[in-house]
């Protein structure tokens, strides 16, 4: 009986130990987590999404293009809004929380500005414009959360900065999507 108990314990441990890669150590609201991106062309037109983007306020702003290389255009979609500050926070893409309803989970008070500022790799402050055209050549390739303060409220979207390494098709494969021919 001891041998069976030992064997069962060993098999249970061994079978569970291989699943760590499938579990995220980040919570659904982790500032450094990207669960998907909204695809936009150079004119800011919506071209679909990859994954389940954990973004807040995408109805209030347009960040284009996405994926992006060197220059990013940020625009308010409401004629009465003013963009003041923008922060680029490096993030990690994980294919987790794909069924989460982020519209009901995320809100403008989720992150303190000090938390955003301390994690930011690039910042543009006190711009007070309706539209911004930003040079982001200094950012390394990878995923970022872009936090934008509009009329005193912080919104965010996820972007992918590419520098020629990862191809779009590889991004699509990562998120488990299929491209139409």
Protein backbone atom coordinates (compact mmCIF):
# COMPACT_ATOMS: atom_id res chain seq x y z
CA UNK A 1 0.00 0.00 0.00
CA UNK A 2 2.91 2.38 0.75
CA UNK A 3 4.27 1.81 -2.75
CA UNK A 4 0.93 2.71 -4.33
CA UNK A 5 0.65 5.87 -2.21
CA UNK A 6 4.22 6.87 -3.11
CA UNK A 7 3.61 6.17 -6.79
CA UNK A 8 0.36 8.16 -6.77
CA UNK A 9 2.06 11.11 -5.02
CA UNK A 10 4.97 11.02 -7.46
CA UNK A 11 2.65 10.94 -10.49
CA UNK A 12 0.50 13.75 -9.08
CA UNK A 13 3.58 15.93 -8.46
CA UNK A 14 5.09 15.15 -11.86
CA UNK A 15 1.86 15.81 -13.77
CA UNK A 16 1.30 19.15 -12.06
CA UNK A 17 4.87 20.38 -12.33
CA UNK A 18 4.70 20.76 -16.13
CA UNK A 19 1.81 23.26 -16.10
CA UNK A 20 3.55 26.35 -14.74
CA UNK A 21 4.00 27.77 -18.24
CA UNK A 22 0.24 27.85 -18.71
CA UNK A 23 -0.40 29.83 -15.53
CA UNK A 24 0.15 33.55 -15.29
CA UNK A 25 1.81 34.91 -12.20
CA UNK A 26 0.13 38.21 -12.99
CA UNK A 27 -3.38 39.19 -11.96
CA UNK A 28 -5.98 40.34 -14.49
CA UNK A 29 -5.22 43.94 -13.54
CA UNK A 30 -1.41 43.78 -13.43
CA UNK A 31 0.05 46.97 -14.88
CA UNK A 32 2.73 44.96 -16.72
CA UNK A 33 0.35 42.47 -18.40
CA UNK A 34 -0.86 42.61 -22.02
CA UNK A 35 -3.57 40.11 -22.96
CA UNK A 36 -4.11 41.37 -26.50
CA UNK A 37 -3.92 44.39 -28.78
CA UNK A 38 -6.28 46.41 -30.96
CA UNK A 39 -5.03 46.55 -34.54
CA UNK A 40 -5.18 49.94 -36.27
CA UNK A 41 -3.84 51.11 -39.62
CA UNK A 42 -1.88 54.34 -40.20
CA UNK A 43 -5.12 56.36 -40.37
CA UNK A 44 -6.37 54.96 -37.06
CA UNK A 45 -8.99 52.69 -38.61
CA UNK A 46 -9.88 49.61 -36.56
CA UNK A 47 -8.54 46.43 -38.20
CA UNK A 48 -9.52 43.88 -35.57
CA UNK A 49 -7.80 42.62 -32.48
CA UNK A 50 -5.41 39.92 -31.34
CA UNK A 51 -6.22 38.21 -28.06
CA UNK A 52 -8.52 39.86 -25.52
CA UNK A 53 -7.05 43.35 -25.00
CA UNK A 54 -6.98 44.49 -21.38
CA UNK A 55 -7.50 48.14 -22.31
CA UNK A 56 -9.60 50.93 -20.82
CA UNK A 57 -11.20 53.76 -22.78
CA UNK A 58 -10.61 52.60 -26.34
CA UNK A 59 -13.86 54.40 -27.24
CA UNK A 60 -12.26 57.70 -26.21
CA UNK A 61 -8.96 57.54 -28.04
CA UNK A 62 -7.22 56.16 -31.07
CA UNK A 63 -3.60 55.02 -30.98
CA UNK A 64 -2.23 54.27 -34.43
CA UNK A 65 -0.73 52.47 -36.11
CA UNK A 66 -0.68 49.30 -34.06
CA UNK A 67 1.70 47.51 -34.43
CA UNK A 68 3.98 50.54 -34.69
CA UNK A 69 7.59 51.16 -35.65
CA UNK A 70 8.85 54.70 -34.93
CA UNK A 71 6.01 57.23 -34.89
CA UNK A 72 2.72 56.93 -33.04
CA UNK A 73 -0.37 59.08 -33.53
CA UNK A 74 -2.68 59.53 -30.53
CA UNK A 75 -6.02 61.21 -31.02
CA UNK A 76 -9.04 62.06 -28.89
CA UNK A 77 -12.25 60.85 -30.45
CA UNK A 78 -14.29 63.53 -28.66
CA UNK A 79 -13.89 67.08 -29.98
CA UNK A 80 -13.99 68.50 -26.42
CA UNK A 81 -11.10 66.46 -25.03
CA UNK A 82 -7.51 67.39 -24.27
CA UNK A 83 -4.58 64.98 -24.10
CA UNK A 84 -2.07 66.10 -21.50
CA UNK A 85 0.26 63.26 -20.50
CA UNK A 86 1.37 60.00 -22.15
CA UNK A 87 3.35 57.18 -20.55
CA UNK A 88 4.80 54.07 -22.23
CA UNK A 89 5.10 51.16 -19.78
CA UNK A 90 6.95 48.02 -20.97
CA UNK A 91 4.74 44.97 -20.59
CA UNK A 92 4.69 41.21 -21.05
CA UNK A 93 2.24 39.58 -23.46
CA UNK A 94 0.57 36.48 -22.09
CA UNK A 95 -2.25 34.53 -23.63
CA UNK A 96 -4.25 34.45 -20.39
CA UNK A 97 -7.62 35.85 -19.28
CA UNK A 98 -8.93 35.48 -22.82
CA UNK A 99 -12.54 35.15 -21.56
CA UNK A 100 -12.36 38.00 -19.02
CA UNK A 101 -14.77 40.92 -19.51
CA UNK A 102 -12.27 43.75 -19.10
CA UNK A 103 -15.01 46.35 -19.76
CA UNK A 104 -16.55 45.52 -16.39
CA UNK A 105 -13.23 44.99 -14.57
CA UNK A 106 -11.02 47.95 -15.55
CA UNK A 107 -11.59 51.57 -14.48
CA UNK A 108 -9.78 54.91 -14.47
CA UNK A 109 -8.77 54.68 -10.80
CA UNK A 110 -7.15 51.24 -11.12
CA UNK A 111 -3.58 52.59 -11.29
CA UNK A 112 -2.13 55.55 -9.41
CA UNK A 113 -0.25 58.04 -11.59
CA UNK A 114 2.82 57.48 -9.41
CA UNK A 115 2.69 53.75 -10.24
CA UNK A 116 2.40 54.50 -13.95
CA UNK A 117 5.22 57.06 -13.77
CA UNK A 118 7.57 54.71 -11.90
CA UNK A 119 7.07 51.95 -14.49
CA UNK A 120 7.25 54.19 -17.57
CA UNK A 121 10.13 53.87 -20.01
CA UNK A 122 9.10 56.95 -22.01
CA UNK A 123 6.97 59.93 -20.95
CA UNK A 124 5.47 62.97 -22.67
CA UNK A 125 4.03 65.49 -20.18
CA UNK A 126 1.96 68.67 -20.25
CA UNK A 127 1.15 68.56 -23.95
CA UNK A 128 -2.48 69.79 -23.73
CA UNK A 129 -3.47 68.90 -27.28
CA UNK A 130 -6.31 67.05 -28.97
CA UNK A 131 -3.90 65.04 -31.13
CA UNK A 132 -0.27 64.03 -30.69
CA UNK A 133 2.26 62.67 -33.13
CA UNK A 134 5.01 61.08 -31.01
CA UNK A 135 8.49 59.87 -31.89
CA UNK A 136 9.01 56.54 -30.08
CA UNK A 137 12.25 55.48 -31.78
CA UNK A 138 13.92 55.16 -28.36
CA UNK A 139 11.61 52.29 -27.32
CA UNK A 140 12.85 48.74 -27.71
CA UNK A 141 10.79 46.20 -29.63
CA UNK A 142 8.04 44.62 -27.56
CA UNK A 143 4.66 45.16 -25.95
CA UNK A 144 3.74 48.33 -24.07
CA UNK A 145 0.78 49.75 -22.22
CA UNK A 146 0.26 53.31 -23.40
CA UNK A 147 -1.39 55.41 -20.69
CA UNK A 148 -2.98 58.65 -21.85
CA UNK A 149 -4.47 61.34 -19.61
CA UNK A 150 -7.53 62.88 -21.24
CA UNK A 151 -9.30 65.71 -19.40
CA UNK A 152 -7.73 64.50 -16.14
CA UNK A 153 -8.74 60.82 -16.57
CA UNK A 154 -6.21 58.10 -17.38
CA UNK A 155 -7.03 55.66 -20.19
CA UNK A 156 -4.82 53.03 -21.80
CA UNK A 157 -4.30 50.78 -24.76
CA UNK A 158 -1.74 48.09 -25.52
CA UNK A 159 0.66 48.41 -28.44
CA UNK A 160 3.38 46.36 -30.06
CA UNK A 161 6.55 48.15 -31.15
CA UNK A 162 8.37 46.23 -33.85
CA UNK A 163 11.89 46.75 -35.06
CA UNK A 164 11.95 44.18 -37.84
CA UNK A 165 12.42 41.11 -35.61
CA UNK A 166 9.02 39.56 -34.93
CA UNK A 167 6.85 39.35 -38.02
CA UNK A 168 3.14 40.12 -37.95
CA UNK A 169 2.34 36.52 -38.85
CA UNK A 170 4.31 35.35 -35.79
CA UNK A 171 2.25 37.71 -33.61
CA UNK A 172 -0.93 36.27 -35.06
CA UNK A 173 0.36 32.74 -34.39
CA UNK A 174 1.21 33.67 -30.77
CA UNK A 175 -2.34 34.88 -30.13
CA UNK A 176 -3.78 31.80 -31.89
CA UNK A 177 -5.56 33.71 -34.63
CA UNK A 178 -5.74 32.92 -38.34
CA UNK A 179 -5.07 35.39 -41.11
CA UNK A 180 -7.39 35.45 -44.10
CA UNK A 181 -5.61 34.90 -47.43
